Amino acid sequence: MLKVWGRKTSSNVQALMWCIGELGLPYERHDVGHRFGGTDNDAFVALNPNRTIPVLQDGGNPPLWETGAILRYLGRRYGQGRLWPDDLLEKTEVDRWAEWAKLNIALAFTAPVFWRVVRTAPEKRDPRAIRQALDSLTAKLAIAEQQLSGSAHLAGARFSLADIQFGHVLYRYYDIEIERPPLPALQAYYRRLTERPAYREHVMLSYAELRAT
């Protein structure tokens, strides 16, 4: 049985839960972080000294933290040949795009855009900073647009961990009130993701509790 520590409204937790859902693995999840607290107590610090979520424990194995590392662990242990290819070059291609998505999309969207638009009170928002962040994000999304114009998924023809690392931010990207450029391949890709049951269950969730008032 997998044990997960992290609130369901955390985007990193959503990526992990989406992966678990795709693999059909049994789990129990404990709400930790944000309004739930719990990251500063001794029991949690023993799991993850960084005091961040998510944390995963698989049976009696040591706890794991850092979302990308957890996803690769699950891919190797439970999704080999599915989410994680057997071939070295194909595997490296998935890893390359997963790292790209984490560093260039997830990090460029979550704090610079989502936090400024959703988690900041309207009177405190900085439109110029939001615009600059969106321009920077759009330049990176254009790379995904080009890639997806020639393949069904981010790292090629097959759904993989790269799609989880990339696609988990797209629900919020397309849901919040921002100006978005016309990226038809990306939009079509996102629509395909919304047809996946695990995506709908674990990613397409309300983030109302995160809104600043």
Foldseek 3Di string as FASTA:
>chain_A
DKEKEEALLDLLVLLVQLLCVVLVHDYDYHHDDDPNHDLPDPVNCLLPVVSDDIWMDDPPDRIDDDSVVSSVVCCVPRVECAQADPDPVLNVLLVVLLVCQQVQPVVLPVVQACCLQFQDPPVPHDVVSNVVSQVSNLVSVVVQLVCLVVELASSHPHHHSSCSSRLLCVLVVVPTPDDDDDSPSVVVSNVVQCVDPSCVVRRNDDPNVSGDD
